[in-house]
Amino acid sequence: MLSPEIVNVWPHNLMSEFNRIDTCVSVFPYVSIDAEFPGIVYHQINIPKHSMESLSPAEFYAVMKRNVDALKLIQLGLTLSSSDGRSHYSWEFNFRDFDSDHDLQNPESISFLKRQGINFLKNKQRGIESWVFAVLFRRIFSEPGKNLKWATFHGPYDLGFLIKILTGMELPESLDGFMMLVRGFFGDEVYDLKEVVRVFGLGGGLEGVARSLNLERVTGKRHKAGSDSLMIMRVFFELKRKCSEEEMNRILQSYMMNGFVRS
């Protein structure tokens, strides 16, 4: 396995790192993503935070859309993996869109991200313009025939923020409209591991699932986008090793992010 270095991406190395990604993606067909954003600020009325899973997919999407439309992306982590899961490349893209002094945020989430090492002033002063990222991302990943497989962990928000910057627009009004964009940008093979792990008797957050699988975080901190995207990929391949390829394919087919299997 290649050394799991996470490359921090800023404007000065954005183009060179996207050139690396372009070179790698043809032989590293598995992609995992993780987004860091300023927390959740809107909730379904009369529904406690811990009961969000009781919402229907359409209700969940309405809450998610309201949050994604109102908030700004801070970091995006991206990991590419070989088909056997033994070789990884990871990147952490740092955006300048969010202003911690003025923009809408969940204060508890911002305090936590600061403790994890995110420097909001540096991001604001030296971060990537999201529209520039979007142009380069679309150039590579929106080409037909890539046949990539995408892994997320509780992925609706990650995909929501990524689609928001790729389109430069608010999310569609309907869940069906959103899923059309998901399929348009990423294809049909987009998996939410938070749902998949239930088949294996696991649950909880990414860190807890990783511990249950005896996976240690080899680099970075939790809730840093690059490190979390790498952990998502490692969880994905650890699950694949627990059953036959035929069985895993059957499980994945059942848990594609097709209109939010569950939320």
Protein backbone atom coordinates (compact mmCIF):
# COMPACT_ATOMS: atom_id res chain seq x y z
CA MET A 1 0.00 0.00 0.00
CA LEU A 2 1.29 3.43 -0.89
CA SER A 3 2.06 5.81 1.95
CA PRO A 4 -1.28 7.44 2.88
CA GLU A 5 -0.07 10.99 2.45
CA ILE A 6 -2.81 13.60 2.34
CA VAL A 7 -1.95 16.48 0.03
CA ASN A 8 -3.21 19.86 1.22
CA VAL A 9 -4.41 21.79 -1.80
CA TRP A 10 -4.31 25.58 -2.05
CA PRO A 11 -4.36 27.89 -5.10
CA HIS A 12 -0.61 27.51 -5.71
CA ASN A 13 -0.81 23.73 -6.24
CA LEU A 14 -4.41 23.37 -7.39
CA MET A 15 -3.63 22.91 -11.08
CA SER A 16 -0.72 20.52 -10.53
CA GLU A 17 -2.76 18.35 -8.16
CA PHE A 18 -5.70 18.19 -10.55
CA ASN A 19 -3.24 17.10 -13.23
CA ARG A 20 -2.16 14.29 -10.87
CA ILE A 21 -5.78 13.36 -10.26
CA ASP A 22 -6.40 13.29 -14.02
CA THR A 23 -3.47 10.92 -14.44
CA CYS A 24 -4.53 8.65 -11.58
CA VAL A 25 -8.27 8.41 -12.11
CA SER A 26 -8.05 6.04 -15.08
CA VAL A 27 -6.34 3.39 -12.93
CA PHE A 28 -7.83 4.30 -9.54
CA PRO A 29 -11.56 3.81 -10.18
CA TYR A 30 -12.80 4.12 -6.59
CA VAL A 31 -13.44 7.61 -5.22
CA SER A 32 -14.46 8.67 -1.72
CA ILE A 33 -15.39 12.18 -0.65
CA ASP A 34 -15.99 14.04 2.59
CA ALA A 35 -17.07 17.65 3.10
CA GLU A 36 -16.51 19.89 6.10
CA PHE A 37 -18.99 22.72 6.48
CA PRO A 38 -20.19 25.05 9.27
CA GLY A 39 -22.53 22.53 10.91
CA ILE A 40 -26.30 22.20 10.77
CA VAL A 41 -28.29 25.35 11.49
CA TYR A 42 -31.81 24.38 10.38
CA HIS A 43 -33.81 21.42 11.64
CA GLN A 44 -37.25 20.03 10.93
CA ILE A 45 -39.76 21.78 13.16
CA ASN A 46 -40.87 19.66 16.13
CA ILE A 47 -38.31 16.94 15.32
CA PRO A 48 -35.40 16.56 17.79
CA LYS A 49 -31.91 16.45 16.28
CA HIS A 50 -31.47 12.79 17.22
CA SER A 51 -34.75 11.84 15.45
CA MET A 52 -33.83 13.08 11.97
CA GLU A 53 -33.73 9.46 10.75
CA SER A 54 -37.50 9.32 11.25
CA LEU A 55 -38.00 11.79 8.40
CA SER A 56 -39.06 10.59 4.98
CA PRO A 57 -36.48 11.03 2.19
CA ALA A 58 -38.38 14.05 0.88
CA GLU A 59 -38.56 15.64 4.34
CA PHE A 60 -34.87 14.99 4.95
CA TYR A 61 -33.99 16.53 1.59
CA ALA A 62 -36.01 19.66 2.35
CA VAL A 63 -34.02 20.19 5.58
CA MET A 64 -30.73 19.38 3.85
CA LYS A 65 -31.46 21.77 0.98
CA ARG A 66 -32.21 24.60 3.37
CA ASN A 67 -28.88 24.06 5.16
CA VAL A 68 -26.75 23.56 2.04
CA ASP A 69 -28.27 26.59 0.30
CA ALA A 70 -27.55 28.80 3.33
CA LEU A 71 -24.06 27.55 4.25
CA LYS A 72 -20.63 27.56 2.61
CA LEU A 73 -18.16 24.74 2.07
CA ILE A 74 -14.94 24.81 4.12
CA GLN A 75 -13.01 21.72 2.99
CA LEU A 76 -13.46 18.82 0.60
CA GLY A 77 -11.55 15.59 0.98
CA LEU A 78 -11.06 13.25 -1.97
CA THR A 79 -9.40 9.84 -2.02
CA LEU A 80 -8.71 7.66 -5.06
CA SER A 81 -8.12 3.93 -4.66
CA SER A 82 -6.99 1.06 -6.81
CA SER A 83 -9.45 -1.78 -7.43
CA ASP A 84 -7.85 -3.97 -4.78
CA GLY A 85 -7.91 -1.22 -2.15
CA ARG A 86 -4.18 -1.45 -1.51
CA SER A 87 -3.10 1.87 -3.02
CA HIS A 88 -4.58 5.26 -2.15
CA TYR A 89 -4.03 8.89 -3.00
CA SER A 90 -5.76 11.55 -0.89
CA TRP A 91 -6.28 15.30 -1.21
CA GLU A 92 -7.72 17.98 1.05
CA PHE A 93 -9.04 21.06 -0.78
CA ASN A 94 -9.23 24.24 1.31
CA PHE A 95 -11.81 26.81 0.22
CA ARG A 96 -11.99 30.53 0.87
CA ASP A 97 -15.77 30.93 0.57
CA PHE A 98 -16.57 30.76 4.29
CA ASP A 99 -15.98 33.77 6.55
CA SER A 100 -16.13 32.65 10.18
CA ASP A 101 -16.65 36.24 11.35
CA HIS A 102 -19.77 36.93 9.30
CA ASP A 103 -21.28 33.85 7.64
CA LEU A 104 -24.06 31.67 8.99
CA GLN A 105 -22.73 28.83 11.16
CA ASN A 106 -23.31 26.48 14.05
CA PRO A 107 -20.94 27.87 16.73
CA GLU A 108 -20.37 24.44 18.30
CA SER A 109 -19.33 23.00 14.95
CA ILE A 110 -16.95 25.87 14.26
CA SER A 111 -15.33 25.52 17.70
CA PHE A 112 -14.87 21.80 17.10
CA LEU A 113 -13.33 22.31 13.66
CA LYS A 114 -10.93 24.86 15.13
CA ARG A 115 -9.82 22.28 17.70
CA GLN A 116 -9.25 19.82 14.86
CA GLY A 117 -6.83 22.27 13.28
CA ILE A 118 -8.80 24.16 10.64
CA ASN A 119 -7.43 27.69 10.34
CA PHE A 120 -10.40 29.74 9.17
CA LEU A 121 -8.40 32.94 8.68
CA LYS A 122 -5.87 31.13 6.48
CA ASN A 123 -8.67 29.58 4.45
CA LYS A 124 -10.33 32.95 3.97
CA GLN A 125 -7.12 34.69 2.95
CA ARG A 126 -5.41 31.93 0.98
CA GLY A 127 -8.04 29.35 0.11
CA ILE A 128 -9.31 28.12 -3.26
CA GLU A 129 -12.07 29.89 -5.14
CA SER A 130 -14.83 27.28 -5.36
CA TRP A 131 -15.72 28.19 -8.95
CA VAL A 132 -12.14 27.52 -10.07
CA PHE A 133 -12.25 24.14 -8.34
CA ALA A 134 -15.58 23.41 -10.04
CA VAL A 135 -14.19 24.02 -13.53
CA LEU A 136 -11.25 21.66 -12.95
CA PHE A 137 -13.37 19.01 -11.21
CA ARG A 138 -15.94 18.92 -14.00
CA ARG A 139 -13.23 18.68 -16.63
CA ILE A 140 -11.98 15.42 -15.11
CA PHE A 141 -14.93 13.74 -13.46
CA SER A 142 -17.80 14.67 -15.77
CA GLU A 143 -16.31 13.02 -18.85
CA PRO A 144 -18.38 10.03 -20.03
CA GLY A 145 -16.98 6.53 -19.76
CA LYS A 146 -15.11 6.96 -16.47
CA ASN A 147 -17.06 4.15 -14.73
CA LEU A 148 -16.11 5.36 -11.27
CA LYS A 149 -17.51 4.07 -7.98
CA TRP A 150 -18.15 6.73 -5.32
CA ALA A 151 -18.20 6.11 -1.57
CA THR A 152 -19.51 8.49 1.08
CA PHE A 153 -20.44 8.23 4.74
CA HIS A 154 -23.76 9.91 5.44
CA GLY A 155 -23.28 11.28 1.98
CA PRO A 156 -26.28 13.51 1.18
CA TYR A 157 -24.67 16.63 2.68
CA ASP A 158 -21.27 15.88 1.10
CA LEU A 159 -22.86 15.48 -2.32
CA GLY A 160 -25.12 18.46 -1.72
CA PHE A 161 -22.26 20.86 -1.04
CA LEU A 162 -20.22 19.47 -3.93
CA ILE A 163 -23.13 19.80 -6.35
CA LYS A 164 -23.80 23.32 -5.12
CA ILE A 165 -20.30 24.47 -6.08
CA LEU A 166 -20.27 22.44 -9.31
CA THR A 167 -23.46 24.13 -10.52
CA GLY A 168 -22.93 27.49 -8.82
CA MET A 169 -26.59 27.36 -7.85
CA GLU A 170 -28.86 26.44 -4.98
CA LEU A 171 -29.96 22.81 -4.87
CA PRO A 172 -33.04 21.77 -6.87
CA GLU A 173 -36.43 22.12 -5.22
CA SER A 174 -37.19 18.40 -5.37
CA LEU A 175 -35.34 15.27 -4.31
CA ASP A 176 -35.86 13.85 -7.81
CA GLY A 177 -34.15 16.90 -9.28
CA PHE A 178 -31.24 16.49 -6.89
CA MET A 179 -30.83 12.80 -7.73
CA MET A 180 -30.77 13.66 -11.43
CA LEU A 181 -27.76 15.89 -10.73
CA VAL A 182 -26.11 13.18 -8.60
CA ARG A 183 -26.40 10.71 -11.46
CA GLY A 184 -25.37 13.34 -14.01
CA PHE A 185 -22.16 14.27 -12.19
CA PHE A 186 -21.21 10.96 -10.57
CA GLY A 187 -23.00 8.18 -12.42
CA ASP A 188 -25.10 5.39 -10.94
CA GLU A 189 -22.58 3.85 -8.54
CA VAL A 190 -22.74 6.19 -5.55
CA TYR A 191 -22.86 4.49 -2.16
CA ASP A 192 -23.58 5.75 1.34
CA LEU A 193 -21.60 3.53 3.71
CA LYS A 194 -23.61 4.73 6.70
CA GLU A 195 -26.43 2.62 5.25
CA VAL A 196 -24.26 -0.25 3.98
CA VAL A 197 -22.64 -0.92 7.38
CA ARG A 198 -26.03 -1.81 8.87
CA VAL A 199 -25.99 -5.03 6.83
CA PHE A 200 -22.83 -5.97 8.75
CA GLY A 201 -24.40 -5.21 12.14
CA LEU A 202 -22.54 -1.93 12.51
CA GLY A 203 -23.78 1.59 13.14
CA GLY A 204 -22.92 5.02 14.49
CA GLY A 205 -20.44 7.52 13.11
CA LEU A 206 -17.44 6.94 10.89
CA GLU A 207 -14.99 6.80 13.79
CA GLY A 208 -17.05 4.20 15.65
CA VAL A 209 -17.48 2.03 12.57
CA ALA A 210 -13.74 2.18 11.89
CA ARG A 211 -12.99 1.07 15.47
CA SER A 212 -15.42 -1.83 15.12
CA LEU A 213 -13.48 -2.89 12.02
CA ASN A 214 -10.13 -2.49 13.84
CA LEU A 215 -9.07 0.33 11.53
CA GLU A 216 -6.85 2.99 13.04
CA ARG A 217 -6.57 6.47 11.60
CA VAL A 218 -3.09 6.42 10.07
CA THR A 219 -2.84 10.11 9.27
CA GLY A 220 -4.72 13.32 10.01
CA LYS A 221 -7.58 13.95 12.43
CA ARG A 222 -11.25 13.07 12.38
CA HIS A 223 -13.45 15.75 10.85
CA LYS A 224 -10.61 16.88 8.63
CA ALA A 225 -11.91 16.27 5.14
CA GLY A 226 -8.84 14.56 3.67
CA SER A 227 -8.37 12.17 6.58
CA ASP A 228 -12.07 11.31 6.70
CA SER A 229 -12.20 10.61 2.96
CA LEU A 230 -9.29 8.20 3.40
CA MET A 231 -11.01 6.50 6.33
CA ILE A 232 -14.21 6.14 4.30
CA MET A 233 -12.25 4.38 1.58
CA ARG A 234 -10.57 2.05 4.07
CA VAL A 235 -13.93 1.19 5.63
CA PHE A 236 -15.32 0.46 2.17
CA PHE A 237 -12.61 -2.03 1.31
CA GLU A 238 -12.65 -3.62 4.76
CA LEU A 239 -16.35 -4.34 4.26
CA LYS A 240 -15.60 -5.80 0.82
CA ARG A 241 -13.13 -8.21 2.41
CA LYS A 242 -15.80 -9.55 4.74
CA CYS A 243 -17.85 -11.21 2.02
CA SER A 244 -17.61 -12.53 -1.51
CA GLU A 245 -17.50 -10.13 -4.42
CA GLU A 246 -20.90 -11.38 -5.56
CA GLU A 247 -22.43 -10.80 -2.13
CA MET A 248 -20.88 -7.34 -1.80
CA ASN A 249 -22.16 -6.35 -5.22
CA ARG A 250 -25.65 -7.46 -4.20
CA ILE A 251 -25.42 -5.39 -1.00
CA LEU A 252 -24.15 -2.33 -2.85
CA GLN A 253 -26.91 -2.58 -5.44
CA SER A 254 -29.41 -2.42 -2.59
CA TYR A 255 -27.80 0.65 -1.04
CA MET A 256 -27.07 2.91 -3.96
CA MET A 257 -27.89 6.52 -3.17
CA ASN A 258 -31.04 6.32 -5.26
CA GLY A 259 -33.41 8.86 -3.77
CA PHE A 260 -31.88 8.33 -0.29
CA VAL A 261 -32.42 4.67 0.60
CA ARG A 262 -32.76 5.81 4.18
CA SER A 263 -31.80 9.11 5.71
